[in-house]
PDB file of all heavy atoms in Angstrom:
ATOM      1  N   GLY A   1      30.644-115.060 -25.651  1.00  0.00           N
ATOM      2  CA  GLY A   1      32.103-115.139 -25.481  1.00  0.00           C
ATOM      3  C   GLY A   1      32.639-116.538 -25.552  1.00  0.00           C
ATOM      4  O   GLY A   1      33.723-116.806 -25.136  1.00  0.00           O
ATOM      5  N   ALA A   2      31.851-117.462 -26.123  1.00  0.00           N
ATOM      6  CA  ALA A   2      32.268-118.862 -26.164  1.00  0.00           C
ATOM      7  C   ALA A   2      33.508-119.094 -26.984  1.00  0.00           C
ATOM      8  O   ALA A   2      34.275-120.025 -26.737  1.00  0.00           O
ATOM      9  CB  ALA A   2      31.117-119.733 -26.664  1.00  0.00           C
ATOM     10  N   ARG A   3      33.726-118.282 -27.974  1.00  0.00           N
ATOM     11  CA  ARG A   3      34.893-118.476 -28.868  1.00  0.00           C
ATOM     12  C   ARG A   3      36.059-117.542 -28.538  1.00  0.00           C
ATOM     13  O   ARG A   3      37.059-117.568 -29.210  1.00  0.00           O
ATOM     14  CB  ARG A   3      34.469-118.266 -30.321  1.00  0.00           C
ATOM     15  CG  ARG A   3      33.469-119.311 -30.737  1.00  0.00           C
ATOM     16  CD  ARG A   3      33.135-119.146 -32.170  1.00  0.00           C
ATOM     17  NE  ARG A   3      32.055-120.075 -32.513  1.00  0.00           N
ATOM     18  CZ  ARG A   3      31.495-120.158 -33.675  1.00  0.00           C
ATOM     19  NH1 ARG A   3      31.874-119.379 -34.663  1.00  0.00           N
ATOM     20  NH2 ARG A   3      30.556-121.033 -33.909  1.00  0.00           N
ATOM     21  N   ALA A   4      35.900-116.745 -27.500  1.00  0.00           N
ATOM     22  CA  ALA A   4      36.939-115.791 -27.167  1.00  0.00           C
ATOM     23  C   ALA A   4      37.981-116.435 -26.285  1.00  0.00           C
ATOM     24  O   ALA A   4      37.811-116.540 -25.097  1.00  0.00           O
ATOM     25  CB  ALA A   4      36.353-114.543 -26.491  1.00  0.00           C
ATOM     26  N   ASP A   5      39.080-116.908 -26.907  1.00  0.00           N
ATOM     27  CA  ASP A   5      40.132-117.556 -26.146  1.00  0.00           C
ATOM     28  C   ASP A   5      40.781-116.591 -25.165  1.00  0.00           C
ATOM     29  O   ASP A   5      41.313-117.023 -24.141  1.00  0.00           O
ATOM     30  CB  ASP A   5      41.206-118.109 -27.089  1.00  0.00           C
ATOM     31  CG  ASP A   5      40.693-119.273 -27.896  1.00  0.00           C
ATOM     32  OD1 ASP A   5      39.667-119.868 -27.480  1.00  0.00           O
ATOM     33  OD2 ASP A   5      41.271-119.593 -28.922  1.00  0.00           O
ATOM     34  N   THR A   6      40.763-115.321 -25.471  1.00  0.00           N
ATOM     35  CA  THR A   6      41.409-114.342 -24.585  1.00  0.00           C
ATOM     36  C   THR A   6      40.647-114.194 -23.287  1.00  0.00           C
ATOM     37  O   THR A   6      41.171-113.636 -22.333  1.00  0.00           O
ATOM     38  CB  THR A   6      41.542-112.975 -25.249  1.00  0.00           C
ATOM     39  OG1 THR A   6      40.204-112.527 -25.643  1.00  0.00           O
ATOM     40  CG2 THR A   6      42.415-113.029 -26.466  1.00  0.00           C
ATOM     41  N   VAL A   7      39.435-114.716 -23.200  1.00  0.00           N
ATOM     42  CA  VAL A   7      38.644-114.663 -21.972  1.00  0.00           C
ATOM     43  C   VAL A   7      38.690-115.984 -21.234  1.00  0.00           C
ATOM     44  O   VAL A   7      38.998-116.032 -20.036  1.00  0.00           O
ATOM     45  CB  VAL A   7      37.168-114.281 -22.278  1.00  0.00           C
ATOM     46  CG1 VAL A   7      36.323-114.373 -21.042  1.00  0.00           C
ATOM     47  CG2 VAL A   7      37.126-112.886 -22.887  1.00  0.00           C
ATOM     48  N   TRP A   8      38.436-117.074 -21.927  1.00  0.00           N
ATOM     49  CA  TRP A   8      38.240-118.356 -21.246  1.00  0.00           C
ATOM     50  C   TRP A   8      39.539-119.011 -20.796  1.00  0.00           C
ATOM     51  O   TRP A   8      39.568-119.641 -19.757  1.00  0.00           O
ATOM     52  CB  TRP A   8      37.464-119.331 -22.160  1.00  0.00           C
ATOM     53  CG  TRP A   8      36.064-118.887 -22.358  1.00  0.00           C
ATOM     54  CD1 TRP A   8      35.525-118.370 -23.455  1.00  0.00           C
ATOM     55  CD2 TRP A   8      35.040-118.865 -21.347  1.00  0.00           C
ATOM     56  NE1 TRP A   8      34.223-118.010 -23.205  1.00  0.00           N
ATOM     57  CE2 TRP A   8      33.877-118.325 -21.932  1.00  0.00           C
ATOM     58  CE3 TRP A   8      34.997-119.225 -20.030  1.00  0.00           C
ATOM     59  CZ2 TRP A   8      32.688-118.168 -21.245  1.00  0.00           C
ATOM     60  CZ3 TRP A   8      33.802-119.079 -19.319  1.00  0.00           C
ATOM     61  CH2 TRP A   8      32.680-118.532 -19.931  1.00  0.00           C
ATOM     62  N   VAL A   9      40.624-118.811 -21.540  1.00  0.00           N
ATOM     63  CA  VAL A   9      41.887-119.422 -21.143  1.00  0.00           C
ATOM     64  C   VAL A   9      42.375-118.867 -19.804  1.00  0.00           C
ATOM     65  O   VAL A   9      42.670-119.648 -18.904  1.00  0.00           O
ATOM     66  CB  VAL A   9      42.974-119.274 -22.248  1.00  0.00           C
ATOM     67  CG1 VAL A   9      44.333-119.671 -21.736  1.00  0.00           C
ATOM     68  CG2 VAL A   9      42.563-120.088 -23.486  1.00  0.00           C
ATOM     69  N   PRO A  10      42.396-117.521 -19.600  1.00  0.00           N
ATOM     70  CA  PRO A  10      42.811-117.054 -18.269  1.00  0.00           C
ATOM     71  C   PRO A  10      41.878-117.428 -17.150  1.00  0.00           C
ATOM     72  O   PRO A  10      42.291-117.715 -16.054  1.00  0.00           O
ATOM     73  CB  PRO A  10      42.868-115.530 -18.474  1.00  0.00           C
ATOM     74  CG  PRO A  10      42.933-115.276 -19.898  1.00  0.00           C
ATOM     75  CD  PRO A  10      42.264-116.426 -20.562  1.00  0.00           C
ATOM     76  N   ILE A  11      40.540-117.440 -17.437  1.00  0.00           N
ATOM     77  CA  ILE A  11      39.593-117.824 -16.408  1.00  0.00           C
ATOM     78  C   ILE A  11      39.811-119.265 -15.997  1.00  0.00           C
ATOM     79  O   ILE A  11      39.857-119.619 -14.783  1.00  0.00           O
ATOM     80  CB  ILE A  11      38.123-117.607 -16.882  1.00  0.00           C
ATOM     81  CG1 ILE A  11      37.839-116.123 -16.945  1.00  0.00           C
ATOM     82  CG2 ILE A  11      37.140-118.312 -15.972  1.00  0.00           C
ATOM     83  CD1 ILE A  11      36.508-115.764 -17.537  1.00  0.00           C
ATOM     84  N   LEU A  12      39.937-120.192 -16.974  1.00  0.00           N
ATOM     85  CA  LEU A  12      40.176-121.586 -16.642  1.00  0.00           C
ATOM     86  C   LEU A  12      41.533-121.829 -15.989  1.00  0.00           C
ATOM     87  O   LEU A  12      41.649-122.650 -15.054  1.00  0.00           O
ATOM     88  CB  LEU A  12      40.016-122.448 -17.875  1.00  0.00           C
ATOM     89  CG  LEU A  12      38.587-122.463 -18.456  1.00  0.00           C
ATOM     90  CD1 LEU A  12      38.544-123.266 -19.758  1.00  0.00           C
ATOM     91  CD2 LEU A  12      37.609-123.075 -17.452  1.00  0.00           C
ATOM     92  N   ALA A  13      42.558-121.063 -16.407  1.00  0.00           N
ATOM     93  CA  ALA A  13      43.860-121.208 -15.793  1.00  0.00           C
ATOM     94  C   ALA A  13      43.802-120.746 -14.321  1.00  0.00           C
ATOM     95  O   ALA A  13      44.357-121.408 -13.446  1.00  0.00           O
ATOM     96  CB  ALA A  13      44.910-120.411 -16.565  1.00  0.00           C
ATOM     97  N   GLY A  14      43.135-119.638 -14.060  1.00  0.00           N
ATOM     98  CA  GLY A  14      43.016-119.184 -12.701  1.00  0.00           C
ATOM     99  C   GLY A  14      42.203-120.147 -11.845  1.00  0.00           C
ATOM    100  O   GLY A  14      42.590-120.417 -10.692  1.00  0.00           O
ATOM    101  N   ALA A  15      41.141-120.703 -12.377  1.00  0.00           N
ATOM    102  CA  ALA A  15      40.349-121.665 -11.625  1.00  0.00           C
ATOM    103  C   ALA A  15      41.164-122.927 -11.345  1.00  0.00           C
ATOM    104  O   ALA A  15      41.118-123.475 -10.250  1.00  0.00           O
ATOM    105  CB  ALA A  15      39.101-122.021 -12.414  1.00  0.00           C
ATOM    106  N   GLY A  16      41.996-123.368 -12.314  1.00  0.00           N
ATOM    107  CA  GLY A  16      42.842-124.550 -12.111  1.00  0.00           C
ATOM    108  C   GLY A  16      43.914-124.266 -11.049  1.00  0.00           C
ATOM    109  O   GLY A  16      44.172-125.140 -10.175  1.00  0.00           O
ATOM    110  N   CYS A  17      44.485-123.095 -11.051  1.00  0.00           N
ATOM    111  CA  CYS A  17      45.500-122.740 -10.018  1.00  0.00           C
ATOM    112  C   CYS A  17      44.858-122.655  -8.643  1.00  0.00           C
ATOM    113  O   CYS A  17      45.421-123.173  -7.680  1.00  0.00           O
ATOM    114  CB  CYS A  17      46.149-121.414 -10.349  1.00  0.00           C
ATOM    115  SG  CYS A  17      47.277-121.488 -11.752  1.00  0.00           S
ATOM    116  N   TRP A  18      43.672-122.102  -8.566  1.00  0.00           N
ATOM    117  CA  TRP A  18      43.000-122.021  -7.255  1.00  0.00           C
ATOM    118  C   TRP A  18      42.698-123.426  -6.769  1.00  0.00           C
ATOM    119  O   TRP A  18      42.886-123.717  -5.567  1.00  0.00           O
ATOM    120  CB  TRP A  18      41.689-121.235  -7.390  1.00  0.00           C
ATOM    121  CG  TRP A  18      40.936-121.201  -6.089  1.00  0.00           C
ATOM    122  CD1 TRP A  18      41.095-120.310  -5.072  1.00  0.00           C
ATOM    123  CD2 TRP A  18      39.912-122.106  -5.668  1.00  0.00           C
ATOM    124  NE1 TRP A  18      40.225-120.630  -4.075  1.00  0.00           N
ATOM    125  CE2 TRP A  18      39.498-121.726  -4.388  1.00  0.00           C
ATOM    126  CE3 TRP A  18      39.344-123.238  -6.259  1.00  0.00           C
ATOM    127  CZ2 TRP A  18      38.527-122.409  -3.692  1.00  0.00           C
ATOM    128  CZ3 TRP A  18      38.391-123.915  -5.562  1.00  0.00           C
ATOM    129  CH2 TRP A  18      37.991-123.520  -4.279  1.00  0.00           C
ATOM    130  N   LEU A  19      42.204-124.301  -7.625  1.00  0.00           N
ATOM    131  CA  LEU A  19      41.876-125.662  -7.212  1.00  0.00           C
ATOM    132  C   LEU A  19      43.123-126.390  -6.709  1.00  0.00           C
ATOM    133  O   LEU A  19      43.095-127.111  -5.718  1.00  0.00           O
ATOM    134  CB  LEU A  19      41.210-126.437  -8.356  1.00  0.00           C
ATOM    135  CG  LEU A  19      40.701-127.823  -8.071  1.00  0.00           C
ATOM    136  CD1 LEU A  19      39.607-127.747  -7.023  1.00  0.00           C
ATOM    137  CD2 LEU A  19      40.191-128.485  -9.331  1.00  0.00           C
ATOM    138  N   ALA A  20      44.217-126.260  -7.446  1.00  0.00           N
ATOM    139  CA  ALA A  20      45.480-126.923  -7.061  1.00  0.00           C
ATOM    140  C   ALA A  20      45.951-126.389  -5.679  1.00  0.00           C
ATOM    141  O   ALA A  20      46.312-127.197  -4.817  1.00  0.00           O
ATOM    142  CB  ALA A  20      46.583-126.677  -8.098  1.00  0.00           C
ATOM    143  N   ILE A  21      45.910-125.107  -5.458  1.00  0.00           N
ATOM    144  CA  ILE A  21      46.330-124.539  -4.202  1.00  0.00           C
ATOM    145  C   ILE A  21      45.378-125.001  -3.083  1.00  0.00           C
ATOM    146  O   ILE A  21      45.818-125.377  -2.015  1.00  0.00           O
ATOM    147  CB  ILE A  21      46.352-123.006  -4.275  1.00  0.00           C
ATOM    148  CG1 ILE A  21      47.516-122.539  -5.142  1.00  0.00           C
ATOM    149  CG2 ILE A  21      46.421-122.347  -2.882  1.00  0.00           C
ATOM    150  CD1 ILE A  21      47.545-121.060  -5.475  1.00  0.00           C
ATOM    151  N   TYR A  22      44.106-125.046  -3.343  1.00  0.00           N
ATOM    152  CA  TYR A  22      43.125-125.432  -2.339  1.00  0.00           C
ATOM    153  C   TYR A  22      43.342-126.898  -1.946  1.00  0.00           C
ATOM    154  O   TYR A  22      43.251-127.261  -0.783  1.00  0.00           O
ATOM    155  CB  TYR A  22      41.728-125.248  -2.876  1.00  0.00           C
ATOM    156  CG  TYR A  22      40.650-125.657  -1.910  1.00  0.00           C
ATOM    157  CD1 TYR A  22      40.301-124.843  -0.859  1.00  0.00           C
ATOM    158  CD2 TYR A  22      39.980-126.873  -2.038  1.00  0.00           C
ATOM    159  CE1 TYR A  22      39.305-125.222   0.064  1.00  0.00           C
ATOM    160  CE2 TYR A  22      38.998-127.257  -1.156  1.00  0.00           C
ATOM    161  CZ  TYR A  22      38.669-126.423  -0.113  1.00  0.00           C
ATOM    162  OH  TYR A  22      37.691-126.772   0.769  1.00  0.00           O
ATOM    163  N   LEU A  23      43.589-127.759  -2.927  1.00  0.00           N
ATOM    164  CA  LEU A  23      43.734-129.175  -2.619  1.00  0.00           C
ATOM    165  C   LEU A  23      45.140-129.537  -2.065  1.00  0.00           C
ATOM    166  O   LEU A  23      45.221-130.503  -1.283  1.00  0.00           O
ATOM    167  CB  LEU A  23      43.454-129.992  -3.873  1.00  0.00           C
ATOM    168  CG  LEU A  23      42.032-129.953  -4.385  1.00  0.00           C
ATOM    169  CD1 LEU A  23      41.935-130.691  -5.709  1.00  0.00           C
ATOM    170  CD2 LEU A  23      41.030-130.523  -3.354  1.00  0.00           C
ATOM    171  N   LEU A  24      46.166-128.865  -2.464  1.00  0.00           N
ATOM    172  CA  LEU A  24      47.519-129.288  -2.104  1.00  0.00           C
ATOM    173  C   LEU A  24      48.119-128.570  -0.884  1.00  0.00           C
ATOM    174  O   LEU A  24      48.963-129.152  -0.183  1.00  0.00           O
ATOM    175  CB  LEU A  24      48.454-129.042  -3.278  1.00  0.00           C
ATOM    176  CG  LEU A  24      48.115-129.845  -4.564  1.00  0.00           C
ATOM    177  CD1 LEU A  24      49.033-129.458  -5.663  1.00  0.00           C
ATOM    178  CD2 LEU A  24      48.168-131.305  -4.298  1.00  0.00           C
ATOM    179  N   LEU A  25      47.694-127.336  -0.570  1.00  0.00           N
ATOM    180  CA  LEU A  25      48.277-126.643   0.577  1.00  0.00           C
ATOM    181  C   LEU A  25      47.433-126.828   1.823  1.00  0.00           C
ATOM    182  O   LEU A  25      46.234-127.016   1.740  1.00  0.00           O
ATOM    183  CB  LEU A  25      48.409-125.145   0.234  1.00  0.00           C
ATOM    184  CG  LEU A  25      49.404-124.780  -0.854  1.00  0.00           C
ATOM    185  CD1 LEU A  25      49.415-123.269  -1.061  1.00  0.00           C
ATOM    186  CD2 LEU A  25      50.801-125.269  -0.497  1.00  0.00           C
ATOM    187  N   PRO A  26      48.076-126.783   2.985  1.00  0.00           N
ATOM    188  CA  PRO A  26      47.295-126.894   4.245  1.00  0.00           C
ATOM    189  C   PRO A  26      46.403-125.665   4.430  1.00  0.00           C
ATOM    190  O   PRO A  26      46.689-124.571   3.993  1.00  0.00           O
ATOM    191  CB  PRO A  26      48.380-126.994   5.324  1.00  0.00           C
ATOM    192  CG  PRO A  26      49.572-126.361   4.709  1.00  0.00           C
ATOM    193  CD  PRO A  26      49.502-126.627   3.236  1.00  0.00           C
ATOM    194  N   LYS A  27      45.321-125.899   5.125  1.00  0.00           N
ATOM    195  CA  LYS A  27      44.354-124.810   5.351  1.00  0.00           C
ATOM    196  C   LYS A  27      44.895-123.895   6.445  1.00  0.00           C
ATOM    197  O   LYS A  27      45.347-124.355   7.475  1.00  0.00           O
ATOM    198  CB  LYS A  27      42.975-125.384   5.809  1.00  0.00           C
ATOM    199  CG  LYS A  27      42.434-126.452   4.902  1.00  0.00           C
ATOM    200  CD  LYS A  27      42.271-125.993   3.489  1.00  0.00           C
ATOM    201  CE  LYS A  27      41.743-127.074   2.578  1.00  0.00           C
ATOM    202  NZ  LYS A  27      42.735-127.879   1.911  1.00  0.00           N
ATOM    203  N   PRO A  28      44.831-122.593   6.246  1.00  0.00           N
ATOM    204  CA  PRO A  28      45.377-121.600   7.188  1.00  0.00           C
ATOM    205  C   PRO A  28      44.366-121.399   8.380  1.00  0.00           C
ATOM    206  O   PRO A  28      43.782-120.313   8.505  1.00  0.00           O
ATOM    207  CB  PRO A  28      45.548-120.372   6.415  1.00  0.00           C
ATOM    208  CG  PRO A  28      44.501-120.445   5.324  1.00  0.00           C
ATOM    209  CD  PRO A  28      44.375-121.901   5.031  1.00  0.00           C
ATOM    210  N   MET A  29      44.203-122.373   9.227  1.00  0.00           N
ATOM    211  CA  MET A  29      43.243-122.286  10.315  1.00  0.00           C
ATOM    212  C   MET A  29      43.588-121.197  11.331  1.00  0.00           C
ATOM    213  O   MET A  29      42.684-120.526  11.851  1.00  0.00           O
ATOM    214  CB  MET A  29      43.093-123.622  11.028  1.00  0.00           C
ATOM    215  CG  MET A  29      42.396-124.676  10.196  1.00  0.00           C
ATOM    216  SD  MET A  29      40.799-124.183   9.570  1.00  0.00           S
ATOM    217  CE  MET A  29      39.882-124.018  11.081  1.00  0.00           C
ATOM    218  N   LEU A  30      44.852-120.992  11.638  1.00  0.00           N
ATOM    219  CA  LEU A  30      45.242-119.973  12.612  1.00  0.00           C
ATOM    220  C   LEU A  30      44.803-118.599  12.115  1.00  0.00           C
ATOM    221  O   LEU A  30      44.212-117.791  12.888  1.00  0.00           O
ATOM    222  CB  LEU A  30      46.764-120.004  12.850  1.00  0.00           C
ATOM    223  CG  LEU A  30      47.275-119.012  13.868  1.00  0.00           C
ATOM    224  CD1 LEU A  30      46.726-119.365  15.249  1.00  0.00           C
ATOM    225  CD2 LEU A  30      48.777-119.007  13.899  1.00  0.00           C
TER     226      LEU A  30
END
């Protein structure tokens, strides 16, 4: 699946969004 843009683009976009949320938002400790 290395050349399948329909797979890797959404996976990398989701990973980037998760990383941004994890780093920028406060942790929900409560």
